[in-house]
Amino acid sequence: MYEAIVFDNDGVLMELTEMDLHRRAARDAFEAVGVADPADEHVEAMSIGVTVPKLHAVCDHYGLDPPEFWRTRDDLMARRQQAAIRRGEKGVYDDVTALDALDRPAGIVSSNQQATVDFGLDAFDLARHFETVYGREPTVESLRRKKPAPYYIQQALSDLGTADALYVGDSETDVEAAHAAGIDAAFVRRPHRAGENLSVTPEYEIDGLADVPQILDGEPPASD
């Protein structure tokens, strides 16, 4: 039914990173650029879901250079996540074994750092399943390009040589980005999304990755 498939990473293939780790990395970044005691709300703002306006507002408050601070923040965030993977604190979901059944080109588009995504794929021997992988580069521009913007999905589709693809994600922004790129979306309702109400409608809603091969073959997923 589809010529290719593209996956989100965190919350779909790999487990989510603990929020406390995000906050610690943000504090590390402030300390690295000379801000010893940042306000809690600024640490929170730089922990997850960062936008360009938020970044500029925080940097203006402390007199920081946004590109320099953001590169520092992303580097430290990637290092902490890589360490969590090495310690076994951030793993993969059991149903990633469904990747073995894929019979068409696959890619990844994540809003996490490219360095984090690549490290995890190598650590869990998953890189062999994918022809193209996009995470964010450590630049301010990447915040404009990340989901729900379609930019990285469009790049992946170009690499895969098709616009006939399915995007599999676990968030509303995943569905929005897929639709903005002109492709269908499958929403994976992992336990961390159990009570979430979407304001957008994915073409499929599934409990896990075991349903993906059926969807690709044009069959209704068992959990839809």
N, C-alpha and C. Protein backbone atom coordinates (compact mmCIF):
# COMPACT_ATOMS: atom_id res chain seq x y z
N MET A 1 0.82 -1.21 0.00
CA MET A 1 0.00 0.00 0.00
C MET A 1 0.85 1.25 0.00
N TYR A 2 1.93 1.25 0.79
CA TYR A 2 2.87 2.38 0.82
C TYR A 2 4.22 1.90 0.30
N GLU A 3 4.93 2.80 -0.36
CA GLU A 3 6.24 2.44 -0.90
C GLU A 3 7.35 2.53 0.13
N ALA A 4 7.13 3.29 1.20
CA ALA A 4 8.17 3.47 2.22
C ALA A 4 7.51 3.80 3.55
N ILE A 5 8.31 3.77 4.59
CA ILE A 5 7.81 4.09 5.93
C ILE A 5 8.87 4.90 6.67
N VAL A 6 8.40 5.87 7.45
CA VAL A 6 9.30 6.72 8.24
C VAL A 6 8.80 6.71 9.68
N PHE A 7 9.72 6.56 10.62
CA PHE A 7 9.38 6.47 12.03
C PHE A 7 9.90 7.68 12.80
N ASP A 8 9.14 8.09 13.80
CA ASP A 8 9.70 8.89 14.88
C ASP A 8 10.60 7.96 15.69
N ASN A 9 11.42 8.52 16.56
CA ASN A 9 12.33 7.68 17.35
C ASN A 9 11.86 7.55 18.80
N ASP A 10 11.99 8.63 19.56
CA ASP A 10 11.64 8.57 20.98
C ASP A 10 10.14 8.37 21.17
N GLY A 11 9.78 7.38 21.97
CA GLY A 11 8.38 7.07 22.19
C GLY A 11 7.80 6.12 21.18
N VAL A 12 8.58 5.79 20.15
CA VAL A 12 8.13 4.86 19.10
C VAL A 12 9.09 3.68 19.02
N LEU A 13 10.36 3.96 18.76
CA LEU A 13 11.39 2.92 18.72
C LEU A 13 12.12 2.83 20.06
N MET A 14 12.60 3.97 20.52
CA MET A 14 13.32 4.03 21.80
C MET A 14 12.42 4.62 22.87
N GLU A 15 12.69 4.23 24.10
CA GLU A 15 11.93 4.76 25.23
C GLU A 15 12.19 6.25 25.38
N LEU A 16 11.21 6.94 25.97
CA LEU A 16 11.36 8.36 26.21
C LEU A 16 12.48 8.62 27.22
N THR A 17 13.12 9.76 27.07
CA THR A 17 14.13 10.20 28.03
C THR A 17 13.42 10.78 29.25
N GLU A 18 13.89 10.44 30.44
CA GLU A 18 13.29 10.97 31.66
C GLU A 18 13.39 12.49 31.69
N MET A 19 12.31 13.14 32.16
CA MET A 19 12.29 14.60 32.20
C MET A 19 13.39 15.16 33.09
N ASP A 20 13.72 14.47 34.16
CA ASP A 20 14.76 14.97 35.05
C ASP A 20 16.09 15.08 34.33
N LEU A 21 16.34 14.17 33.40
CA LEU A 21 17.58 14.25 32.62
C LEU A 21 17.57 15.49 31.73
N HIS A 22 16.43 15.79 31.12
CA HIS A 22 16.32 17.00 30.31
C HIS A 22 16.64 18.24 31.15
N ARG A 23 16.09 18.27 32.35
CA ARG A 23 16.32 19.44 33.21
C ARG A 23 17.78 19.54 33.64
N ARG A 24 18.39 18.41 33.97
CA ARG A 24 19.80 18.44 34.37
C ARG A 24 20.68 18.92 33.23
N ALA A 25 20.38 18.49 32.02
CA ALA A 25 21.18 18.93 30.87
C ALA A 25 21.01 20.42 30.63
N ALA A 26 19.79 20.93 30.81
CA ALA A 26 19.57 22.36 30.64
C ALA A 26 20.35 23.15 31.68
N ARG A 27 20.35 22.67 32.92
CA ARG A 27 21.14 23.35 33.96
C ARG A 27 22.63 23.29 33.64
N ASP A 28 23.08 22.16 33.15
CA ASP A 28 24.49 22.03 32.74
C ASP A 28 24.84 23.10 31.71
N ALA A 29 23.92 23.32 30.77
CA ALA A 29 24.18 24.28 29.70
C ALA A 29 24.30 25.69 30.25
N PHE A 30 23.40 26.06 31.15
CA PHE A 30 23.51 27.39 31.76
C PHE A 30 24.83 27.54 32.50
N GLU A 31 25.21 26.53 33.26
CA GLU A 31 26.47 26.59 34.00
C GLU A 31 27.66 26.70 33.05
N ALA A 32 27.60 25.99 31.93
CA ALA A 32 28.71 25.99 30.97
C ALA A 32 28.93 27.36 30.34
N VAL A 33 27.87 28.16 30.25
CA VAL A 33 28.01 29.50 29.65
C VAL A 33 28.06 30.59 30.71
N GLY A 34 28.25 30.19 31.98
CA GLY A 34 28.49 31.17 33.03
C GLY A 34 27.29 31.63 33.82
N VAL A 35 26.15 30.95 33.66
CA VAL A 35 24.95 31.30 34.44
C VAL A 35 24.84 30.27 35.56
N ALA A 36 25.22 30.68 36.77
CA ALA A 36 25.32 29.73 37.87
C ALA A 36 23.98 29.39 38.50
N ASP A 37 23.03 30.31 38.47
CA ASP A 37 21.77 30.08 39.18
C ASP A 37 20.58 30.53 38.31
N PRO A 38 20.30 29.81 37.23
CA PRO A 38 19.18 30.20 36.36
C PRO A 38 17.85 29.98 37.06
N ALA A 39 16.87 30.77 36.69
CA ALA A 39 15.52 30.61 37.24
C ALA A 39 14.95 29.26 36.81
N ASP A 40 14.17 28.65 37.70
CA ASP A 40 13.60 27.34 37.40
C ASP A 40 12.77 27.36 36.13
N GLU A 41 12.02 28.46 35.92
CA GLU A 41 11.18 28.51 34.72
C GLU A 41 12.01 28.58 33.44
N HIS A 42 13.21 29.14 33.54
CA HIS A 42 14.09 29.19 32.37
C HIS A 42 14.74 27.83 32.12
N VAL A 43 15.06 27.11 33.17
CA VAL A 43 15.55 25.74 33.01
C VAL A 43 14.48 24.89 32.35
N GLU A 44 13.25 25.02 32.82
CA GLU A 44 12.14 24.26 32.25
C GLU A 44 11.95 24.61 30.78
N ALA A 45 12.02 25.89 30.45
CA ALA A 45 11.81 26.34 29.08
C ALA A 45 12.86 25.80 28.12
N MET A 46 14.07 25.56 28.63
CA MET A 46 15.16 25.06 27.80
C MET A 46 15.32 23.55 27.89
N SER A 47 14.41 22.88 28.60
CA SER A 47 14.52 21.44 28.79
C SER A 47 13.93 20.64 27.65
N ILE A 48 12.73 21.00 27.21
CA ILE A 48 12.04 20.24 26.16
C ILE A 48 11.00 21.15 25.52
N GLY A 49 10.69 20.88 24.26
CA GLY A 49 9.70 21.70 23.56
C GLY A 49 10.16 23.12 23.31
N VAL A 50 11.45 23.29 23.10
CA VAL A 50 12.02 24.63 22.93
C VAL A 50 11.65 25.18 21.56
N THR A 51 11.28 26.46 21.54
CA THR A 51 11.01 27.17 20.29
C THR A 51 12.01 28.32 20.15
N VAL A 52 12.10 28.88 18.97
CA VAL A 52 13.01 30.00 18.75
C VAL A 52 12.65 31.19 19.62
N PRO A 53 11.37 31.58 19.71
CA PRO A 53 11.03 32.70 20.61
C PRO A 53 11.42 32.44 22.07
N LYS A 54 11.18 31.22 22.56
CA LYS A 54 11.58 30.89 23.94
C LYS A 54 13.08 31.01 24.11
N LEU A 55 13.82 30.48 23.15
CA LEU A 55 15.28 30.52 23.23
C LEU A 55 15.78 31.96 23.27
N HIS A 56 15.27 32.79 22.39
CA HIS A 56 15.72 34.19 22.34
C HIS A 56 15.34 34.93 23.62
N ALA A 57 14.15 34.66 24.15
CA ALA A 57 13.72 35.34 25.37
C ALA A 57 14.64 34.99 26.54
N VAL A 58 14.98 33.72 26.67
CA VAL A 58 15.85 33.30 27.76
C VAL A 58 17.26 33.85 27.57
N CYS A 59 17.77 33.78 26.36
CA CYS A 59 19.12 34.29 26.10
C CYS A 59 19.19 35.80 26.31
N ASP A 60 18.16 36.52 25.91
CA ASP A 60 18.13 37.97 26.14
C ASP A 60 18.17 38.28 27.63
N HIS A 61 17.48 37.48 28.43
CA HIS A 61 17.42 37.72 29.87
C HIS A 61 18.81 37.63 30.50
N TYR A 62 19.64 36.71 30.02
CA TYR A 62 20.96 36.50 30.62
C TYR A 62 22.10 37.08 29.77
N GLY A 63 21.76 37.73 28.68
CA GLY A 63 22.80 38.29 27.82
C GLY A 63 23.62 37.24 27.11
N LEU A 64 22.98 36.15 26.70
CA LEU A 64 23.66 35.04 26.04
C LEU A 64 23.49 35.11 24.53
N ASP A 65 24.43 34.52 23.82
CA ASP A 65 24.34 34.40 22.36
C ASP A 65 23.51 33.15 22.04
N PRO A 66 22.35 33.30 21.39
CA PRO A 66 21.47 32.13 21.17
C PRO A 66 22.14 30.97 20.44
N PRO A 67 22.84 31.18 19.32
CA PRO A 67 23.47 30.03 18.66
C PRO A 67 24.49 29.31 19.55
N GLU A 68 25.29 30.07 20.28
CA GLU A 68 26.30 29.46 21.16
C GLU A 68 25.63 28.68 22.29
N PHE A 69 24.63 29.30 22.93
CA PHE A 69 23.96 28.62 24.03
C PHE A 69 23.26 27.37 23.54
N TRP A 70 22.61 27.47 22.38
CA TRP A 70 21.86 26.31 21.91
C TRP A 70 22.78 25.16 21.52
N ARG A 71 23.91 25.47 20.91
CA ARG A 71 24.86 24.41 20.58
C ARG A 71 25.36 23.73 21.87
N THR A 72 25.63 24.52 22.88
CA THR A 72 26.08 23.97 24.16
C THR A 72 25.00 23.10 24.78
N ARG A 73 23.78 23.59 24.78
CA ARG A 73 22.66 22.84 25.36
C ARG A 73 22.47 21.52 24.64
N ASP A 74 22.45 21.54 23.30
CA ASP A 74 22.22 20.31 22.55
C ASP A 74 23.36 19.31 22.74
N ASP A 75 24.59 19.81 22.80
CA ASP A 75 25.73 18.92 23.01
C ASP A 75 25.63 18.22 24.37
N LEU A 76 25.30 18.97 25.40
CA LEU A 76 25.20 18.39 26.74
C LEU A 76 23.98 17.47 26.86
N MET A 77 22.90 17.83 26.18
CA MET A 77 21.72 16.96 26.19
C MET A 77 22.03 15.63 25.52
N ALA A 78 22.74 15.69 24.40
CA ALA A 78 23.12 14.45 23.70
C ALA A 78 24.03 13.60 24.57
N ARG A 79 24.99 14.23 25.24
CA ARG A 79 25.92 13.47 26.09
C ARG A 79 25.18 12.77 27.23
N ARG A 80 24.25 13.47 27.85
CA ARG A 80 23.50 12.86 28.96
C ARG A 80 22.63 11.71 28.47
N GLN A 81 22.02 11.86 27.31
CA GLN A 81 21.19 10.78 26.80
C GLN A 81 22.03 9.58 26.38
N GLN A 82 23.18 9.84 25.79
CA GLN A 82 24.07 8.74 25.44
C GLN A 82 24.51 7.98 26.68
N ALA A 83 24.80 8.72 27.75
CA ALA A 83 25.19 8.07 29.00
C ALA A 83 24.04 7.24 29.57
N ALA A 84 22.81 7.74 29.44
CA ALA A 84 21.64 6.99 29.91
C ALA A 84 21.48 5.69 29.12
N ILE A 85 21.75 5.75 27.83
CA ILE A 85 21.68 4.53 27.01
C ILE A 85 22.75 3.54 27.46
N ARG A 86 23.95 4.02 27.69
CA ARG A 86 25.04 3.13 28.12
C ARG A 86 24.72 2.48 29.47
N ARG A 87 24.05 3.23 30.35
CA ARG A 87 23.72 2.69 31.68
C ARG A 87 22.47 1.81 31.66
N GLY A 88 21.82 1.70 30.53
CA GLY A 88 20.60 0.90 30.45
C GLY A 88 19.36 1.60 30.94
N GLU A 89 19.42 2.92 31.08
CA GLU A 89 18.28 3.70 31.58
C GLU A 89 17.36 4.15 30.45
N LYS A 90 17.82 4.09 29.23
CA LYS A 90 17.02 4.45 28.06
C LYS A 90 17.19 3.33 27.05
N GLY A 91 16.14 2.56 26.86
CA GLY A 91 16.24 1.40 25.98
C GLY A 91 15.30 1.49 24.80
N VAL A 92 15.03 0.36 24.21
CA VAL A 92 14.09 0.29 23.09
C VAL A 92 12.87 -0.51 23.53
N TYR A 93 11.77 -0.31 22.84
CA TYR A 93 10.56 -1.07 23.11
C TYR A 93 10.71 -2.49 22.57
N ASP A 94 10.08 -3.44 23.26
CA ASP A 94 10.20 -4.84 22.85
C ASP A 94 9.73 -5.07 21.43
N ASP A 95 8.73 -4.29 20.99
CA ASP A 95 8.15 -4.56 19.66
C ASP A 95 8.95 -3.98 18.51
N VAL A 96 10.16 -3.47 18.77
CA VAL A 96 11.01 -3.06 17.64
C VAL A 96 11.39 -4.26 16.78
N THR A 97 11.14 -5.46 17.29
CA THR A 97 11.37 -6.65 16.47
C THR A 97 10.50 -6.64 15.21
N ALA A 98 9.44 -5.83 15.20
CA ALA A 98 8.60 -5.71 14.01
C ALA A 98 9.38 -5.14 12.83
N LEU A 99 10.49 -4.45 13.11
CA LEU A 99 11.31 -3.92 12.03
C LEU A 99 11.86 -5.03 11.14
N ASP A 100 12.04 -6.21 11.72
CA ASP A 100 12.57 -7.33 10.94
C ASP A 100 11.63 -7.76 9.83
N ALA A 101 10.34 -7.43 9.97
CA ALA A 101 9.35 -7.84 8.97
C ALA A 101 9.15 -6.82 7.86
N LEU A 102 9.82 -5.67 7.96
CA LEU A 102 9.65 -4.64 6.93
C LEU A 102 10.28 -5.09 5.62
N ASP A 103 9.55 -4.84 4.53
CA ASP A 103 10.05 -5.26 3.22
C ASP A 103 10.13 -4.10 2.24
N ARG A 104 10.21 -2.87 2.80
CA ARG A 104 10.35 -1.70 1.92
C ARG A 104 11.22 -0.66 2.62
N PRO A 105 11.69 0.33 1.89
CA PRO A 105 12.63 1.30 2.47
C PRO A 105 12.05 2.00 3.69
N ALA A 106 12.91 2.27 4.66
CA ALA A 106 12.48 2.90 5.91
C ALA A 106 13.45 4.00 6.31
N GLY A 107 12.91 4.97 7.05
CA GLY A 107 13.72 6.06 7.56
C GLY A 107 13.27 6.47 8.94
N ILE A 108 14.00 7.40 9.53
CA ILE A 108 13.66 7.96 10.83
C ILE A 108 13.71 9.48 10.73
N VAL A 109 12.72 10.13 11.34
CA VAL A 109 12.74 11.58 11.51
C VAL A 109 12.42 11.87 12.97
N SER A 110 13.38 12.42 13.68
CA SER A 110 13.25 12.68 15.11
C SER A 110 13.53 14.14 15.40
N SER A 111 12.92 14.66 16.47
CA SER A 111 13.24 16.01 16.93
C SER A 111 14.35 16.00 17.98
N ASN A 112 14.88 14.83 18.28
CA ASN A 112 16.02 14.71 19.18
C ASN A 112 17.30 15.05 18.40
N GLN A 113 18.41 15.17 19.10
CA GLN A 113 19.66 15.50 18.42
C GLN A 113 20.09 14.35 17.50
N GLN A 114 20.69 14.72 16.38
CA GLN A 114 21.22 13.70 15.47
C GLN A 114 22.22 12.80 16.19
N ALA A 115 23.04 13.40 17.04
CA ALA A 115 24.04 12.62 17.77
C ALA A 115 23.40 11.60 18.70
N THR A 116 22.27 11.97 19.31
CA THR A 116 21.57 11.05 20.20
C THR A 116 20.94 9.91 19.42
N VAL A 117 20.28 10.25 18.33
CA VAL A 117 19.61 9.23 17.52
C VAL A 117 20.63 8.24 16.96
N ASP A 118 21.70 8.75 16.38
CA ASP A 118 22.72 7.87 15.79
C ASP A 118 23.34 6.96 16.85
N PHE A 119 23.61 7.51 18.02
CA PHE A 119 24.21 6.71 19.10
C PHE A 119 23.27 5.57 19.50
N GLY A 120 21.99 5.88 19.66
CA GLY A 120 21.04 4.86 20.05
C GLY A 120 20.87 3.77 19.00
N LEU A 121 20.82 4.16 17.75
CA LEU A 121 20.68 3.17 16.67
C LEU A 121 21.86 2.22 16.65
N ASP A 122 23.06 2.76 16.85
CA ASP A 122 24.24 1.90 16.89
C ASP A 122 24.24 1.02 18.14
N ALA A 123 23.86 1.59 19.27
CA ALA A 123 23.88 0.83 20.53
C ALA A 123 22.94 -0.36 20.50
N PHE A 124 21.80 -0.19 19.82
CA PHE A 124 20.79 -1.26 19.80
C PHE A 124 20.74 -2.01 18.47
N ASP A 125 21.75 -1.79 17.63
CA ASP A 125 21.85 -2.50 16.35
C ASP A 125 20.60 -2.32 15.50
N LEU A 126 20.11 -1.09 15.43
CA LEU A 126 18.92 -0.80 14.63
C LEU A 126 19.24 -0.05 13.34
N ALA A 127 20.44 0.49 13.22
CA ALA A 127 20.77 1.31 12.05
C ALA A 127 20.61 0.54 10.75
N ARG A 128 20.79 -0.77 10.79
CA ARG A 128 20.71 -1.59 9.58
C ARG A 128 19.33 -1.58 8.94
N HIS A 129 18.31 -1.17 9.69
CA HIS A 129 16.95 -1.18 9.17
C HIS A 129 16.61 0.07 8.35
N PHE A 130 17.47 1.09 8.39
CA PHE A 130 17.07 2.39 7.86
C PHE A 130 18.01 2.91 6.78
N GLU A 131 17.39 3.42 5.72
CA GLU A 131 18.15 4.02 4.62
C GLU A 131 18.51 5.47 4.89
N THR A 132 17.73 6.15 5.71
CA THR A 132 17.98 7.56 5.99
C THR A 132 17.52 7.87 7.40
N VAL A 133 18.27 8.73 8.09
CA VAL A 133 17.97 9.07 9.48
C VAL A 133 18.19 10.56 9.68
N TYR A 134 17.16 11.24 10.17
CA TYR A 134 17.26 12.67 10.46
C TYR A 134 16.93 12.94 11.92
N GLY A 135 17.88 13.51 12.63
CA GLY A 135 17.63 14.16 13.90
C GLY A 135 17.90 15.63 13.69
N ARG A 136 17.92 16.38 14.78
CA ARG A 136 18.21 17.80 14.65
C ARG A 136 19.72 18.05 14.72
N GLU A 137 20.19 18.95 13.89
CA GLU A 137 21.53 19.47 14.05
C GLU A 137 21.49 20.51 15.18
N PRO A 138 22.61 20.79 15.85
CA PRO A 138 22.60 21.69 17.02
C PRO A 138 22.61 23.16 16.63
N THR A 139 21.60 23.58 15.89
CA THR A 139 21.50 24.96 15.41
C THR A 139 20.13 25.53 15.75
N VAL A 140 20.07 26.85 15.81
CA VAL A 140 18.78 27.52 16.03
C VAL A 140 17.83 27.21 14.88
N GLU A 141 18.35 27.13 13.67
CA GLU A 141 17.51 26.85 12.51
C GLU A 141 16.79 25.52 12.65
N SER A 142 17.40 24.56 13.33
CA SER A 142 16.75 23.26 13.49
C SER A 142 15.47 23.36 14.30
N LEU A 143 15.37 24.37 15.15
CA LEU A 143 14.14 24.57 15.92
C LEU A 143 13.00 25.03 15.03
N ARG A 144 13.32 25.74 13.96
CA ARG A 144 12.29 26.14 13.00
C ARG A 144 11.90 24.97 12.11
N ARG A 145 12.81 24.08 11.87
CA ARG A 145 12.59 22.97 10.94
C ARG A 145 11.97 21.73 11.58
N LYS A 146 12.04 21.64 12.90
CA LYS A 146 11.56 20.41 13.57
C LYS A 146 10.04 20.31 13.48
N LYS A 147 9.53 19.12 13.74
CA LYS A 147 8.09 18.89 13.76
C LYS A 147 7.41 19.84 14.75
N PRO A 148 6.25 20.40 14.39
CA PRO A 148 5.33 19.99 13.33
C PRO A 148 5.65 20.48 11.93
N ALA A 149 6.74 21.21 11.74
CA ALA A 149 7.13 21.57 10.37
C ALA A 149 7.48 20.29 9.60
N PRO A 150 7.22 20.27 8.30
CA PRO A 150 7.45 19.05 7.52
C PRO A 150 8.86 18.89 6.99
N TYR A 151 9.76 19.84 7.29
CA TYR A 151 11.06 19.90 6.63
C TYR A 151 11.82 18.57 6.66
N TYR A 152 12.02 18.00 7.84
CA TYR A 152 12.84 16.79 7.94
C TYR A 152 12.15 15.58 7.33
N ILE A 153 10.82 15.52 7.42
CA ILE A 153 10.11 14.43 6.75
C ILE A 153 10.27 14.55 5.24
N GLN A 154 10.18 15.76 4.72
CA GLN A 154 10.37 15.96 3.28
C GLN A 154 11.77 15.56 2.85
N GLN A 155 12.77 15.87 3.68
CA GLN A 155 14.14 15.46 3.37
C GLN A 155 14.25 13.94 3.32
N ALA A 156 13.62 13.28 4.28
CA ALA A 156 13.67 11.81 4.31
C ALA A 156 12.97 11.21 3.10
N LEU A 157 11.83 11.76 2.73
CA LEU A 157 11.10 11.25 1.56
C LEU A 157 11.93 11.43 0.29
N SER A 158 12.63 12.55 0.20
CA SER A 158 13.50 12.76 -0.96
C SER A 158 14.61 11.71 -1.00
N ASP A 159 15.19 11.41 0.15
CA ASP A 159 16.23 10.37 0.21
C ASP A 159 15.68 9.01 -0.18
N LEU A 160 14.44 8.72 0.23
CA LEU A 160 13.82 7.43 -0.04
C LEU A 160 13.26 7.35 -1.45
N GLY A 161 13.18 8.49 -2.13
CA GLY A 161 12.75 8.50 -3.53
C GLY A 161 11.27 8.30 -3.74
N THR A 162 10.45 8.69 -2.75
CA THR A 162 9.01 8.52 -2.90
C THR A 162 8.27 9.51 -2.02
N ALA A 163 7.06 9.86 -2.43
CA ALA A 163 6.15 10.64 -1.60
C ALA A 163 5.01 9.77 -1.10
N ASP A 164 5.07 8.48 -1.43
CA ASP A 164 4.04 7.52 -1.01
C ASP A 164 4.55 6.77 0.20
N ALA A 165 4.37 7.38 1.37
CA ALA A 165 4.95 6.81 2.59
C ALA A 165 4.00 7.00 3.76
N LEU A 166 4.28 6.26 4.81
CA LEU A 166 3.55 6.35 6.07
C LEU A 166 4.51 6.83 7.15
N TYR A 167 4.05 7.78 7.98
CA TYR A 167 4.86 8.23 9.11
C TYR A 167 4.26 7.68 10.39
N VAL A 168 5.09 7.09 11.23
CA VAL A 168 4.65 6.48 12.48
C VAL A 168 5.21 7.29 13.64
N GLY A 169 4.32 7.87 14.44
CA GLY A 169 4.75 8.70 15.56
C GLY A 169 3.88 8.52 16.77
N ASP A 170 4.24 9.23 17.85
CA ASP A 170 3.49 9.08 19.10
C ASP A 170 3.01 10.41 19.65
N SER A 171 2.93 11.44 18.80
CA SER A 171 2.51 12.75 19.30
C SER A 171 1.67 13.47 18.26
N GLU A 172 0.96 14.48 18.73
CA GLU A 172 0.15 15.29 17.82
C GLU A 172 1.02 15.98 16.78
N THR A 173 2.19 16.45 17.20
CA THR A 173 3.07 17.12 16.23
C THR A 173 3.56 16.15 15.16
N ASP A 174 3.67 14.87 15.48
CA ASP A 174 4.04 13.88 14.47
C ASP A 174 2.97 13.79 13.39
N VAL A 175 1.71 13.75 13.82
CA VAL A 175 0.60 13.68 12.86
C VAL A 175 0.55 14.95 12.03
N GLU A 176 0.72 16.09 12.68
CA GLU A 176 0.69 17.37 11.97
C GLU A 176 1.81 17.45 10.93
N ALA A 177 3.01 17.01 11.31
CA ALA A 177 4.14 17.07 10.39
C ALA A 177 3.93 16.15 9.20
N ALA A 178 3.40 14.96 9.45
CA ALA A 178 3.13 14.02 8.36
C ALA A 178 2.14 14.62 7.38
N HIS A 179 1.05 15.16 7.89
CA HIS A 179 0.04 15.74 7.01
C HIS A 179 0.58 16.96 6.27
N ALA A 180 1.41 17.76 6.94
CA ALA A 180 2.01 18.91 6.26
C ALA A 180 2.92 18.48 5.13
N ALA A 181 3.51 17.29 5.27
CA ALA A 181 4.38 16.74 4.22
C ALA A 181 3.58 15.99 3.15
N GLY A 182 2.27 15.88 3.35
CA GLY A 182 1.41 15.24 2.36
C GLY A 182 1.33 13.73 2.45
N ILE A 183 1.65 13.17 3.63
CA ILE A 183 1.59 11.71 3.77
C ILE A 183 0.70 11.32 4.95
N ASP A 184 0.34 10.05 5.00
CA ASP A 184 -0.50 9.52 6.07
C ASP A 184 0.30 9.32 7.35
N ALA A 185 -0.44 9.27 8.46
CA ALA A 185 0.19 9.10 9.77
C ALA A 185 -0.46 7.97 10.55
N ALA A 186 0.37 7.23 11.27
CA ALA A 186 -0.09 6.23 12.24
C ALA A 186 0.33 6.71 13.62
N PHE A 187 -0.63 6.85 14.51
CA PHE A 187 -0.37 7.30 15.88
C PHE A 187 -0.23 6.09 16.79
N VAL A 188 0.93 5.96 17.44
CA VAL A 188 1.17 4.85 18.35
C VAL A 188 0.79 5.29 19.76
N ARG A 189 -0.26 4.68 20.28
CA ARG A 189 -0.71 5.06 21.62
C ARG A 189 0.00 4.18 22.66
N ARG A 190 1.25 4.53 22.90
CA ARG A 190 2.00 3.88 23.97
C ARG A 190 1.37 4.25 25.32
N PRO A 191 1.73 3.55 26.40
CA PRO A 191 1.16 3.88 27.71
C PRO A 191 1.32 5.34 28.10
N HIS A 192 2.42 5.99 27.69
CA HIS A 192 2.59 7.39 28.06
C HIS A 192 1.65 8.32 27.30
N ARG A 193 0.91 7.80 26.32
CA ARG A 193 -0.08 8.58 25.59
C ARG A 193 -1.50 8.08 25.85
N ALA A 194 -1.67 7.27 26.87
CA ALA A 194 -2.96 6.59 27.09
C ALA A 194 -4.13 7.56 27.19
N GLY A 195 -3.98 8.66 27.88
CA GLY A 195 -5.11 9.57 28.07
C GLY A 195 -5.10 10.79 27.17
N GLU A 196 -4.24 10.79 26.17
CA GLU A 196 -4.09 11.99 25.34
C GLU A 196 -5.18 12.08 24.28
N ASN A 197 -5.80 13.26 24.19
CA ASN A 197 -6.79 13.53 23.16
C ASN A 197 -6.15 14.36 22.06
N LEU A 198 -6.22 13.87 20.84
CA LEU A 198 -5.61 14.56 19.71
C LEU A 198 -6.60 15.54 19.09
N SER A 199 -6.08 16.68 18.65
CA SER A 199 -6.92 17.63 17.92
C SER A 199 -6.78 17.44 16.41
N VAL A 200 -5.96 16.49 16.02
CA VAL A 200 -5.80 16.11 14.61
C VAL A 200 -6.13 14.62 14.49
N THR A 201 -6.45 14.20 13.29
CA THR A 201 -6.89 12.82 13.10
C THR A 201 -5.89 12.03 12.27
N PRO A 202 -5.20 11.08 12.88
CA PRO A 202 -4.29 10.22 12.10
C PRO A 202 -5.09 9.22 11.28
N GLU A 203 -4.49 8.72 10.23
CA GLU A 203 -5.16 7.70 9.41
C GLU A 203 -5.29 6.38 10.17
N TYR A 204 -4.35 6.15 11.09
CA TYR A 204 -4.37 4.92 11.88
C TYR A 204 -4.02 5.24 13.33
N GLU A 205 -4.60 4.48 14.24
CA GLU A 205 -4.18 4.53 15.64
C GLU A 205 -3.89 3.10 16.07
N ILE A 206 -2.68 2.89 16.59
CA ILE A 206 -2.25 1.53 16.92
C ILE A 206 -1.65 1.50 18.33
N ASP A 207 -1.60 0.30 18.90
CA ASP A 207 -1.04 0.14 20.24
C ASP A 207 0.48 -0.02 20.22
N GLY A 208 1.02 -0.49 19.11
CA GLY A 208 2.45 -0.74 19.03
C GLY A 208 2.87 -1.03 17.61
N LEU A 209 4.13 -1.41 17.45
CA LEU A 209 4.70 -1.57 16.12
C LEU A 209 4.32 -2.87 15.43
N ALA A 210 3.74 -3.81 16.17
CA ALA A 210 3.37 -5.09 15.56
C ALA A 210 2.34 -4.92 14.45
N ASP A 211 1.57 -3.83 14.50
CA ASP A 211 0.55 -3.58 13.48
C ASP A 211 1.12 -2.97 12.19
N VAL A 212 2.33 -2.47 12.24
CA VAL A 212 2.87 -1.73 11.10
C VAL A 212 2.97 -2.57 9.82
N PRO A 213 3.50 -3.79 9.86
CA PRO A 213 3.57 -4.57 8.62
C PRO A 213 2.20 -4.79 7.97
N GLN A 214 1.14 -4.96 8.80
CA GLN A 214 -0.20 -5.12 8.25
C GLN A 214 -0.64 -3.87 7.51
N ILE A 215 -0.40 -2.71 8.11
CA ILE A 215 -0.78 -1.45 7.47
C ILE A 215 -0.07 -1.31 6.13
N LEU A 216 1.21 -1.62 6.10
CA LEU A 216 1.97 -1.49 4.86
C LEU A 216 1.43 -2.41 3.77
N ASP A 217 0.83 -3.51 4.17
CA ASP A 217 0.26 -4.45 3.20
C ASP A 217 -1.20 -4.15 2.87
N GLY A 218 -1.72 -3.02 3.42
CA GLY A 218 -3.08 -2.63 3.11
C GLY A 218 -4.14 -3.32 3.94
N GLU A 219 -3.73 -3.95 5.04
CA GLU A 219 -4.68 -4.62 5.92
C GLU A 219 -4.98 -3.74 7.13
N PRO A 220 -6.20 -3.79 7.67
CA PRO A 220 -6.51 -2.98 8.86
C PRO A 220 -5.74 -3.48 10.06
N PRO A 221 -5.14 -2.58 10.84
CA PRO A 221 -4.39 -3.02 12.02
C PRO A 221 -5.33 -3.59 13.07
N ALA A 222 -4.84 -4.57 13.80
CA ALA A 222 -5.67 -5.23 14.81
C ALA A 222 -6.10 -4.28 15.92
N SER A 223 -5.27 -3.27 16.22
CA SER A 223 -5.57 -2.38 17.34
C SER A 223 -6.21 -1.07 16.92
N ASP A 224 -6.52 -0.90 15.63
CA ASP A 224 -7.10 0.37 15.16
C ASP A 224 -8.55 0.47 15.61
